[in-house]
Amino acid sequence: MRKPVKMAIGIYLTVMLLGCSTYLILILIGSLQGNDMRGAVQDANSYKKVEHVSQIPSSSKSDLYLYNALCM
């Protein structure tokens, strides 16, 4: 590759590295201050109840197994 292309890729990767590092450092600082940082990492809905597989009706379980079989 030519030198300008290498330089552009290097600048892009440097900016991405700085951006990701800054984001992770801000999450670390927030968690060290005692804040709940789950929403910063993922789009979490803390009010949503997570259901266990045993609480799902049997008809939905068969659909779930069929979905897993098709996706795998």
PDB file of N, CA and C in Angstrom:
ATOM      1  N   MET A   1       0.833  -1.183   0.000  1.00  0.00           N
ATOM      2  CA  MET A   1       0.000   0.000   0.000  1.00  0.00           C
ATOM      3  C   MET A   1       0.878   1.246   0.000  1.00  0.00           C
ATOM      4  N   ARG A   2       0.301   2.310  -0.484  1.00  0.00           N
ATOM      5  CA  ARG A   2       1.045   3.558  -0.517  1.00  0.00           C
ATOM      6  C   ARG A   2       1.052   4.202   0.859  1.00  0.00           C
ATOM      7  N   LYS A   3       1.977   5.098   1.062  1.00  0.00           N
ATOM      8  CA  LYS A   3       2.166   5.737   2.360  1.00  0.00           C
ATOM      9  C   LYS A   3       0.929   6.522   2.824  1.00  0.00           C
ATOM     10  N   PRO A   4       0.235   7.297   1.958  1.00  0.00           N
ATOM     11  CA  PRO A   4      -0.957   8.014   2.432  1.00  0.00           C
ATOM     12  C   PRO A   4      -2.072   7.077   2.906  1.00  0.00           C
ATOM     13  N   VAL A   5      -2.201   5.930   2.244  1.00  0.00           N
ATOM     14  CA  VAL A   5      -3.231   4.970   2.647  1.00  0.00           C
ATOM     15  C   VAL A   5      -2.885   4.388   4.010  1.00  0.00           C
ATOM     16  N   LYS A   6      -1.622   4.039   4.210  1.00  0.00           N
ATOM     17  CA  LYS A   6      -1.191   3.511   5.504  1.00  0.00           C
ATOM     18  C   LYS A   6      -1.391   4.547   6.600  1.00  0.00           C
ATOM     19  N   MET A   7      -1.105   5.807   6.288  1.00  0.00           N
ATOM     20  CA  MET A   7      -1.263   6.862   7.282  1.00  0.00           C
ATOM     21  C   MET A   7      -2.737   7.067   7.626  1.00  0.00           C
ATOM     22  N   ALA A   8      -3.606   7.026   6.631  1.00  0.00           N
ATOM     23  CA  ALA A   8      -5.042   7.191   6.871  1.00  0.00           C
ATOM     24  C   ALA A   8      -5.585   6.042   7.716  1.00  0.00           C
ATOM     25  N   ILE A   9      -5.161   4.827   7.416  1.00  0.00           N
ATOM     26  CA  ILE A   9      -5.595   3.670   8.206  1.00  0.00           C
ATOM     27  C   ILE A   9      -5.063   3.778   9.628  1.00  0.00           C
ATOM     28  N   GLY A  10      -3.823   4.206   9.779  1.00  0.00           N
ATOM     29  CA  GLY A  10      -3.245   4.377  11.112  1.00  0.00           C
ATOM     30  C   GLY A  10      -3.976   5.424  11.922  1.00  0.00           C
ATOM     31  N   ILE A  11      -4.337   6.541  11.294  1.00  0.00           N
ATOM     32  CA  ILE A  11      -5.084   7.593  11.997  1.00  0.00           C
ATOM     33  C   ILE A  11      -6.463   7.081  12.394  1.00  0.00           C
ATOM     34  N   TYR A  12      -7.129   6.382  11.490  1.00  0.00           N
ATOM     35  CA  TYR A  12      -8.451   5.832  11.784  1.00  0.00           C
ATOM     36  C   TYR A  12      -8.390   4.859  12.959  1.00  0.00           C
ATOM     37  N   LEU A  13      -7.431   3.942  12.934  1.00  0.00           N
ATOM     38  CA  LEU A  13      -7.313   2.967  14.017  1.00  0.00           C
ATOM     39  C   LEU A  13      -6.954   3.641  15.331  1.00  0.00           C
ATOM     40  N   THR A  14      -6.134   4.692  15.288  1.00  0.00           N
ATOM     41  CA  THR A  14      -5.781   5.425  16.499  1.00  0.00           C
ATOM     42  C   THR A  14      -7.004   6.112  17.094  1.00  0.00           C
ATOM     43  N   VAL A  15      -7.809   6.729  16.247  1.00  0.00           N
ATOM     44  CA  VAL A  15      -9.028   7.392  16.727  1.00  0.00           C
ATOM     45  C   VAL A  15      -9.987   6.368  17.330  1.00  0.00           C
ATOM     46  N   MET A  16     -10.144   5.212  16.689  1.00  0.00           N
ATOM     47  CA  MET A  16     -11.021   4.170  17.221  1.00  0.00           C
ATOM     48  C   MET A  16     -10.508   3.652  18.565  1.00  0.00           C
ATOM     49  N   LEU A  17      -9.207   3.447  18.670  1.00  0.00           N
ATOM     50  CA  LEU A  17      -8.618   2.976  19.919  1.00  0.00           C
ATOM     51  C   LEU A  17      -8.824   3.990  21.032  1.00  0.00           C
ATOM     52  N   LEU A  18      -8.603   5.259  20.741  1.00  0.00           N
ATOM     53  CA  LEU A  18      -8.802   6.298  21.756  1.00  0.00           C
ATOM     54  C   LEU A  18     -10.269   6.399  22.165  1.00  0.00           C
ATOM     55  N   GLY A  19     -11.168   6.302  21.197  1.00  0.00           N
ATOM     56  CA  GLY A  19     -12.594   6.375  21.507  1.00  0.00           C
ATOM     57  C   GLY A  19     -13.052   5.219  22.376  1.00  0.00           C
ATOM     58  N   CYS A  20     -12.665   4.011  22.024  1.00  0.00           N
ATOM     59  CA  CYS A  20     -13.059   2.831  22.808  1.00  0.00           C
ATOM     60  C   CYS A  20     -12.426   2.852  24.191  1.00  0.00           C
ATOM     61  N   SER A  21     -11.168   3.248  24.263  1.00  0.00           N
ATOM     62  CA  SER A  21     -10.485   3.309  25.559  1.00  0.00           C
ATOM     63  C   SER A  21     -11.134   4.347  26.462  1.00  0.00           C
ATOM     64  N   THR A  22     -11.475   5.502  25.909  1.00  0.00           N
ATOM     65  CA  THR A  22     -12.136   6.546  26.697  1.00  0.00           C
ATOM     66  C   THR A  22     -13.479   6.057  27.210  1.00  0.00           C
ATOM     67  N   TYR A  23     -14.240   5.389  26.361  1.00  0.00           N
ATOM     68  CA  TYR A  23     -15.545   4.866  26.752  1.00  0.00           C
ATOM     69  C   TYR A  23     -15.407   3.865  27.896  1.00  0.00           C
ATOM     70  N   LEU A  24     -14.452   2.946  27.785  1.00  0.00           N
ATOM     71  CA  LEU A  24     -14.249   1.952  28.836  1.00  0.00           C
ATOM     72  C   LEU A  24     -13.744   2.595  30.123  1.00  0.00           C
ATOM     73  N   ILE A  25     -12.901   3.607  30.016  1.00  0.00           N
ATOM     74  CA  ILE A  25     -12.415   4.303  31.213  1.00  0.00           C
ATOM     75  C   ILE A  25     -13.563   5.030  31.903  1.00  0.00           C
ATOM     76  N   LEU A  26     -14.456   5.647  31.138  1.00  0.00           N
ATOM     77  CA  LEU A  26     -15.609   6.319  31.745  1.00  0.00           C
ATOM     78  C   LEU A  26     -16.526   5.321  32.449  1.00  0.00           C
ATOM     79  N   ILE A  27     -16.706   4.143  31.863  1.00  0.00           N
ATOM     80  CA  ILE A  27     -17.506   3.104  32.517  1.00  0.00           C
ATOM     81  C   ILE A  27     -16.823   2.658  33.803  1.00  0.00           C
ATOM     82  N   LEU A  28     -15.509   2.489  33.771  1.00  0.00           N
ATOM     83  CA  LEU A  28     -14.763   2.086  34.963  1.00  0.00           C
ATOM     84  C   LEU A  28     -14.874   3.136  36.056  1.00  0.00           C
ATOM     85  N   ILE A  29     -14.718   4.395  35.711  1.00  0.00           N
ATOM     86  CA  ILE A  29     -14.824   5.470  36.706  1.00  0.00           C
ATOM     87  C   ILE A  29     -16.224   5.503  37.302  1.00  0.00           C
ATOM     88  N   GLY A  30     -17.234   5.366  36.458  1.00  0.00           N
ATOM     89  CA  GLY A  30     -18.607   5.361  36.957  1.00  0.00           C
ATOM     90  C   GLY A  30     -18.876   4.200  37.888  1.00  0.00           C
ATOM     91  N   SER A  31     -18.353   3.027  37.575  1.00  0.00           N
ATOM     92  CA  SER A  31     -18.588   1.871  38.445  1.00  0.00           C
ATOM     93  C   SER A  31     -17.803   1.993  39.744  1.00  0.00           C
ATOM     94  N   LEU A  32     -16.617   2.596  39.696  1.00  0.00           N
ATOM     95  CA  LEU A  32     -15.855   2.805  40.930  1.00  0.00           C
ATOM     96  C   LEU A  32     -16.536   3.820  41.841  1.00  0.00           C
ATOM     97  N   GLN A  33     -17.323   4.719  41.279  1.00  0.00           N
ATOM     98  CA  GLN A  33     -18.074   5.685  42.075  1.00  0.00           C
ATOM     99  C   GLN A  33     -19.346   5.076  42.643  1.00  0.00           C
ATOM    100  N   GLY A  34     -19.628   3.847  42.293  1.00  0.00           N
ATOM    101  CA  GLY A  34     -20.792   3.154  42.838  1.00  0.00           C
ATOM    102  C   GLY A  34     -22.023   3.237  41.962  1.00  0.00           C
ATOM    103  N   ASN A  35     -21.894   3.723  40.762  1.00  0.00           N
ATOM    104  CA  ASN A  35     -23.040   3.823  39.861  1.00  0.00           C
ATOM    105  C   ASN A  35     -23.286   2.485  39.166  1.00  0.00           C
ATOM    106  N   ASP A  36     -24.552   2.237  38.845  1.00  0.00           N
ATOM    107  CA  ASP A  36     -24.907   1.035  38.090  1.00  0.00           C
ATOM    108  C   ASP A  36     -24.671   1.329  36.615  1.00  0.00           C
ATOM    109  N   MET A  37     -23.652   0.722  36.035  1.00  0.00           N
ATOM    110  CA  MET A  37     -23.246   1.038  34.668  1.00  0.00           C
ATOM    111  C   MET A  37     -23.734   0.000  33.657  1.00  0.00           C
ATOM    112  N   ARG A  38     -24.717  -0.832  34.039  1.00  0.00           N
ATOM    113  CA  ARG A  38     -25.215  -1.840  33.095  1.00  0.00           C
ATOM    114  C   ARG A  38     -25.801  -1.207  31.845  1.00  0.00           C
ATOM    115  N   GLY A  39     -26.491  -0.095  32.004  1.00  0.00           N
ATOM    116  CA  GLY A  39     -27.111   0.562  30.858  1.00  0.00           C
ATOM    117  C   GLY A  39     -26.104   1.181  29.910  1.00  0.00           C
ATOM    118  N   ALA A  40     -24.880   1.420  30.380  1.00  0.00           N
ATOM    119  CA  ALA A  40     -23.853   2.012  29.520  1.00  0.00           C
ATOM    120  C   ALA A  40     -23.264   0.977  28.572  1.00  0.00           C
ATOM    121  N   VAL A  41     -23.311  -0.277  28.974  1.00  0.00           N
ATOM    122  CA  VAL A  41     -22.703  -1.325  28.161  1.00  0.00           C
ATOM    123  C   VAL A  41     -23.721  -1.942  27.215  1.00  0.00           C
ATOM    124  N   GLN A  42     -24.903  -2.171  27.708  1.00  0.00           N
ATOM    125  CA  GLN A  42     -25.939  -2.769  26.882  1.00  0.00           C
ATOM    126  C   GLN A  42     -27.235  -2.016  27.100  1.00  0.00           C
ATOM    127  N   ASP A  43     -28.144  -2.170  26.195  1.00  0.00           N
ATOM    128  CA  ASP A  43     -29.435  -1.518  26.312  1.00  0.00           C
ATOM    129  C   ASP A  43     -30.303  -2.372  27.223  1.00  0.00           C
ATOM    130  N   ALA A  44     -30.020  -2.297  28.522  1.00  0.00           N
ATOM    131  CA  ALA A  44     -30.678  -3.168  29.488  1.00  0.00           C
ATOM    132  C   ALA A  44     -31.924  -2.498  30.042  1.00  0.00           C
ATOM    133  N   ASN A  45     -32.969  -3.270  30.170  1.00  0.00           N
ATOM    134  CA  ASN A  45     -34.185  -2.814  30.811  1.00  0.00           C
ATOM    135  C   ASN A  45     -34.228  -3.483  32.172  1.00  0.00           C
ATOM    136  N   SER A  46     -33.883  -2.734  33.214  1.00  0.00           N
ATOM    137  CA  SER A  46     -33.770  -3.329  34.542  1.00  0.00           C
ATOM    138  C   SER A  46     -35.129  -3.697  35.130  1.00  0.00           C
ATOM    139  N   TYR A  47     -36.218  -3.204  34.533  1.00  0.00           N
ATOM    140  CA  TYR A  47     -37.543  -3.512  35.055  1.00  0.00           C
ATOM    141  C   TYR A  47     -38.119  -4.784  34.448  1.00  0.00           C
ATOM    142  N   LYS A  48     -37.485  -5.277  33.419  1.00  0.00           N
ATOM    143  CA  LYS A  48     -37.999  -6.458  32.736  1.00  0.00           C
ATOM    144  C   LYS A  48     -37.638  -7.710  33.526  1.00  0.00           C
ATOM    145  N   LYS A  49     -38.631  -8.556  33.757  1.00  0.00           N
ATOM    146  CA  LYS A  49     -38.397  -9.798  34.483  1.00  0.00           C
ATOM    147  C   LYS A  49     -37.919 -10.861  33.497  1.00  0.00           C
ATOM    148  N   VAL A  50     -36.819 -11.493  33.815  1.00  0.00           N
ATOM    149  CA  VAL A  50     -36.294 -12.558  32.975  1.00  0.00           C
ATOM    150  C   VAL A  50     -36.965 -13.860  33.389  1.00  0.00           C
ATOM    151  N   GLU A  51     -37.568 -14.536  32.440  1.00  0.00           N
ATOM    152  CA  GLU A  51     -38.281 -15.774  32.738  1.00  0.00           C
ATOM    153  C   GLU A  51     -37.345 -16.964  32.615  1.00  0.00           C
ATOM    154  N   HIS A  52     -37.513 -17.903  33.508  1.00  0.00           N
ATOM    155  CA  HIS A  52     -36.758 -19.148  33.458  1.00  0.00           C
ATOM    156  C   HIS A  52     -37.444 -20.072  32.462  1.00  0.00           C
ATOM    157  N   VAL A  53     -36.710 -20.986  31.895  1.00  0.00           N
ATOM    158  CA  VAL A  53     -37.269 -21.888  30.881  1.00  0.00           C
ATOM    159  C   VAL A  53     -38.425 -22.702  31.445  1.00  0.00           C
ATOM    160  N   SER A  54     -38.377 -23.038  32.735  1.00  0.00           N
ATOM    161  CA  SER A  54     -39.450 -23.841  33.324  1.00  0.00           C
ATOM    162  C   SER A  54     -40.750 -23.051  33.442  1.00  0.00           C
ATOM    163  N   GLN A  55     -40.701 -21.718  33.343  1.00  0.00           N
ATOM    164  CA  GLN A  55     -41.907 -20.902  33.440  1.00  0.00           C
ATOM    165  C   GLN A  55     -42.581 -20.694  32.083  1.00  0.00           C
ATOM    166  N   ILE A  56     -41.952 -21.144  31.014  1.00  0.00           N
ATOM    167  CA  ILE A  56     -42.504 -20.979  29.675  1.00  0.00           C
ATOM    168  C   ILE A  56     -43.471 -22.133  29.405  1.00  0.00           C
ATOM    169  N   PRO A  57     -44.653 -21.853  28.859  1.00  0.00           N
ATOM    170  CA  PRO A  57     -45.593 -22.937  28.547  1.00  0.00           C
ATOM    171  C   PRO A  57     -44.975 -23.949  27.580  1.00  0.00           C
ATOM    172  N   SER A  58     -45.489 -25.182  27.640  1.00  0.00           N
ATOM    173  CA  SER A  58     -44.893 -26.258  26.840  1.00  0.00           C
ATOM    174  C   SER A  58     -45.020 -25.998  25.342  1.00  0.00           C
ATOM    175  N   SER A  59     -46.095 -25.348  24.902  1.00  0.00           N
ATOM    176  CA  SER A  59     -46.226 -25.062  23.468  1.00  0.00           C
ATOM    177  C   SER A  59     -45.146 -24.088  23.013  1.00  0.00           C
ATOM    178  N   SER A  60     -44.815 -23.132  23.853  1.00  0.00           N
ATOM    179  CA  SER A  60     -43.754 -22.184  23.503  1.00  0.00           C
ATOM    180  C   SER A  60     -42.395 -22.858  23.546  1.00  0.00           C
ATOM    181  N   LYS A  61     -42.238 -23.844  24.439  1.00  0.00           N
ATOM    182  CA  LYS A  61     -40.962 -24.560  24.521  1.00  0.00           C
ATOM    183  C   LYS A  61     -40.673 -25.300  23.222  1.00  0.00           C
ATOM    184  N   SER A  62     -41.701 -25.928  22.639  1.00  0.00           N
ATOM    185  CA  SER A  62     -41.468 -26.656  21.395  1.00  0.00           C
ATOM    186  C   SER A  62     -41.086 -25.688  20.278  1.00  0.00           C
ATOM    187  N   ASP A  63     -41.697 -24.503  20.272  1.00  0.00           N
ATOM    188  CA  ASP A  63     -41.318 -23.489  19.285  1.00  0.00           C
ATOM    189  C   ASP A  63     -39.888 -23.038  19.508  1.00  0.00           C
ATOM    190  N   LEU A  64     -39.490 -22.925  20.777  1.00  0.00           N
ATOM    191  CA  LEU A  64     -38.131 -22.505  21.112  1.00  0.00           C
ATOM    192  C   LEU A  64     -37.122 -23.549  20.644  1.00  0.00           C
ATOM    193  N   TYR A  65     -37.409 -24.823  20.874  1.00  0.00           N
ATOM    194  CA  TYR A  65     -36.505 -25.879  20.431  1.00  0.00           C
ATOM    195  C   TYR A  65     -36.427 -25.929  18.904  1.00  0.00           C
ATOM    196  N   LEU A  66     -37.560 -25.723  18.235  1.00  0.00           N
ATOM    197  CA  LEU A  66     -37.573 -25.705  16.779  1.00  0.00           C
ATOM    198  C   LEU A  66     -36.733 -24.542  16.262  1.00  0.00           C
ATOM    199  N   TYR A  67     -36.864 -23.378  16.897  1.00  0.00           N
ATOM    200  CA  TYR A  67     -36.070 -22.208  16.504  1.00  0.00           C
ATOM    201  C   TYR A  67     -34.581 -22.480  16.687  1.00  0.00           C
ATOM    202  N   ASN A  68     -34.209 -23.071  17.820  1.00  0.00           N
ATOM    203  CA  ASN A  68     -32.802 -23.383  18.064  1.00  0.00           C
ATOM    204  C   ASN A  68     -32.276 -24.390  17.050  1.00  0.00           C
ATOM    205  N   ALA A  69     -33.104 -25.368  16.682  1.00  0.00           N
ATOM    206  CA  ALA A  69     -32.674 -26.374  15.713  1.00  0.00           C
ATOM    207  C   ALA A  69     -32.461 -25.753  14.334  1.00  0.00           C
ATOM    208  N   LEU A  70     -33.301 -24.798  13.968  1.00  0.00           N
ATOM    209  CA  LEU A  70     -33.157 -24.159  12.665  1.00  0.00           C
ATOM    210  C   LEU A  70     -31.968 -23.207  12.624  1.00  0.00           C
ATOM    211  N   CYS A  71     -31.677 -22.569  13.741  1.00  0.00           N
ATOM    212  CA  CYS A  71     -30.592 -21.584  13.768  1.00  0.00           C
ATOM    213  C   CYS A  71     -29.227 -22.228  13.917  1.00  0.00           C
ATOM    214  N   MET A  72     -29.160 -23.400  14.459  1.00  0.00           N
ATOM    215  CA  MET A  72     -27.853 -24.026  14.711  1.00  0.00           C
ATOM    216  C   MET A  72     -27.363 -24.770  13.518  1.00  0.00           C
TER     217      MET A  72
END
